[in-house]
Amino acid sequence: MAPIVAQGQGEANGGPSDHPDPHCPRPEVKRIKPAYTHAGNIEDCGFVDCCNKKAKIYNRQAQEYDACMHSNSDNAGAELKRVQSDANERIHRIADAPNARPKLIESKIAAAVHDANQVSQDKAAERK
């Protein structure tokens, strides 16, 4: 059983680093803050128009960031399910191996008893 445990531990150690960190560009918060000139005045580009343009750009960036993070989360969830399924399969395989061995031994004993009974019956039939 030690080789199975050692094998499982080696494979588990490689798992956490397999899923990359998300590389989603964050929206630029600076876009929605008013820009000031050197004199300390708010940037003169038609304040409302300027803010609206910046807000639209920020909102688009925020939507892209949200979509990227959701995609990353979905991919991580799918990977987690795959790893859990693989682990459960291995656990069942490990648990089934010892359970199958006694059944194999019992079937061999039953076959040997059957053969012995057959030989005994054949010998008894020969004596008659």
Protein backbone atom coordinates (compact mmCIF):
# COMPACT_ATOMS: atom_id res chain seq x y z
CA MET A 1 0.00 0.00 0.00
CA ALA A 2 2.94 2.37 0.57
CA PRO A 3 3.71 2.65 -3.17
CA ILE A 4 0.15 3.74 -3.91
CA VAL A 5 0.25 6.43 -1.21
CA ALA A 6 3.64 7.66 -2.39
CA GLN A 7 2.38 7.79 -5.97
CA GLY A 8 -0.73 9.72 -4.97
CA GLN A 9 1.26 12.20 -2.90
CA GLY A 10 3.64 12.92 -5.75
CA GLU A 11 0.81 13.66 -8.12
CA ALA A 12 -1.05 15.79 -5.59
CA ASN A 13 2.01 17.97 -5.03
CA GLY A 14 1.98 19.03 -8.68
CA GLY A 15 -1.70 19.98 -8.69
CA PRO A 16 -2.06 23.41 -7.06
CA SER A 17 0.48 25.08 -9.33
CA ASP A 18 -1.23 23.75 -12.46
CA HIS A 19 -3.98 26.38 -12.50
CA PRO A 20 -2.60 29.79 -13.49
CA ASP A 21 -3.49 33.04 -11.75
CA PRO A 22 -5.96 35.18 -13.70
CA HIS A 23 -4.38 37.71 -16.04
CA CYS A 24 -7.39 39.99 -16.31
CA PRO A 25 -6.58 43.67 -16.88
CA ARG A 26 -8.22 45.74 -14.17
CA PRO A 27 -10.26 48.79 -15.15
CA GLU A 28 -8.42 52.07 -14.76
CA VAL A 29 -9.97 53.90 -11.81
CA LYS A 30 -8.13 57.05 -12.89
CA ARG A 31 -10.50 57.26 -15.84
CA ILE A 32 -13.45 58.27 -13.70
CA LYS A 33 -11.56 60.77 -11.53
CA PRO A 34 -11.53 64.31 -12.91
CA ALA A 35 -8.17 65.36 -14.31
CA TYR A 36 -6.66 68.55 -12.91
CA THR A 37 -4.35 70.91 -14.77
CA HIS A 38 -1.15 72.34 -13.28
CA ALA A 39 -3.11 75.37 -12.14
CA GLY A 40 -5.38 73.07 -10.10
CA ASN A 41 -8.41 73.52 -12.31
CA ILE A 42 -10.46 70.64 -13.63
CA GLU A 43 -9.49 69.65 -17.16
CA ASP A 44 -11.43 71.74 -19.64
CA CYS A 45 -12.98 69.44 -22.20
CA GLY A 46 -16.60 70.05 -21.42
CA PHE A 47 -16.68 68.53 -17.96
CA VAL A 48 -19.86 66.45 -18.47
CA ASP A 49 -18.81 65.19 -21.91
CA CYS A 50 -15.34 64.36 -20.66
CA CYS A 51 -16.70 62.50 -17.63
CA ASN A 52 -19.22 60.60 -19.76
CA LYS A 53 -16.54 59.44 -22.19
CA LYS A 54 -14.28 58.33 -19.35
CA ALA A 55 -17.17 56.59 -17.58
CA LYS A 56 -18.05 54.69 -20.78
CA ILE A 57 -14.45 53.55 -21.19
CA TYR A 58 -14.27 52.56 -17.51
CA ASN A 59 -17.58 50.67 -17.72
CA ARG A 60 -16.37 48.76 -20.81
CA GLN A 61 -13.13 47.88 -19.01
CA ALA A 62 -15.09 46.81 -15.92
CA GLN A 63 -17.33 44.55 -18.04
CA GLU A 64 -14.28 42.97 -19.72
CA TYR A 65 -12.66 42.45 -16.31
CA ASP A 66 -15.84 40.89 -14.95
CA ALA A 67 -16.15 38.55 -17.94
CA CYS A 68 -12.47 37.58 -17.67
CA MET A 69 -12.74 36.84 -13.94
CA HIS A 70 -15.95 34.82 -14.41
CA SER A 71 -14.30 32.82 -17.18
CA ASN A 72 -11.29 32.16 -14.95
CA SER A 73 -13.57 31.15 -12.09
CA ASP A 74 -15.54 28.79 -14.35
CA ASN A 75 -12.31 27.22 -15.62
CA ALA A 76 -11.02 26.79 -12.07
CA GLY A 77 -14.35 25.22 -11.03
CA ALA A 78 -14.21 22.77 -13.94
CA GLU A 79 -10.61 21.90 -13.07
CA LEU A 80 -11.59 21.38 -9.44
CA LYS A 81 -14.41 19.01 -10.45
CA ARG A 82 -12.01 17.07 -12.69
CA VAL A 83 -9.46 16.74 -9.87
CA GLN A 84 -12.16 15.66 -7.39
CA SER A 85 -13.52 13.11 -9.85
CA ASP A 86 -10.04 11.76 -10.50
CA ALA A 87 -9.34 11.55 -6.76
CA ASN A 88 -12.64 9.75 -6.09
CA GLU A 89 -11.91 7.27 -8.89
CA ARG A 90 -8.49 6.53 -7.41
CA ILE A 91 -9.93 6.14 -3.92
CA HIS A 92 -12.50 3.63 -5.23
CA ARG A 93 -9.80 1.74 -7.13
CA ILE A 94 -7.61 1.56 -4.03
CA ALA A 95 -10.56 0.47 -1.86
CA ASP A 96 -11.75 -2.12 -4.41
CA ALA A 97 -8.36 -3.83 -4.71
CA PRO A 98 -8.36 -5.33 -1.18
CA ASN A 99 -12.07 -6.16 -1.45
CA ALA A 100 -11.54 -8.07 -4.72
CA ARG A 101 -8.68 -10.18 -3.34
CA PRO A 102 -10.79 -12.17 -0.82
CA LYS A 103 -13.41 -12.81 -3.50
CA LEU A 104 -10.73 -14.17 -5.82
CA ILE A 105 -9.39 -16.42 -3.04
CA GLU A 106 -12.93 -17.61 -2.20
CA SER A 107 -13.60 -18.46 -5.85
CA LYS A 108 -10.32 -20.44 -6.05
CA ILE A 109 -11.22 -22.33 -2.85
CA ALA A 110 -14.71 -23.07 -4.21
CA ALA A 111 -13.18 -24.34 -7.47
CA ALA A 112 -10.72 -26.53 -5.52
CA VAL A 113 -13.53 -27.94 -3.34
CA HIS A 114 -15.60 -28.59 -6.46
CA ASP A 115 -12.68 -30.39 -8.10
CA ALA A 116 -12.02 -32.42 -4.93
CA ASN A 117 -15.69 -33.41 -4.73
CA GLN A 118 -15.66 -34.39 -8.39
CA VAL A 119 -12.55 -36.55 -7.92
CA SER A 120 -14.10 -38.12 -4.82
CA GLN A 121 -17.32 -38.89 -6.71
CA ASP A 122 -15.34 -40.30 -9.63
CA LYS A 123 -13.33 -42.58 -7.30
CA ALA A 124 -16.54 -43.70 -5.56
CA ALA A 125 -18.10 -44.49 -8.93
CA GLU A 126 -15.05 -46.54 -9.94
CA ARG A 127 -15.34 -48.72 -6.80
CA LYS A 128 -18.89 -49.70 -7.53
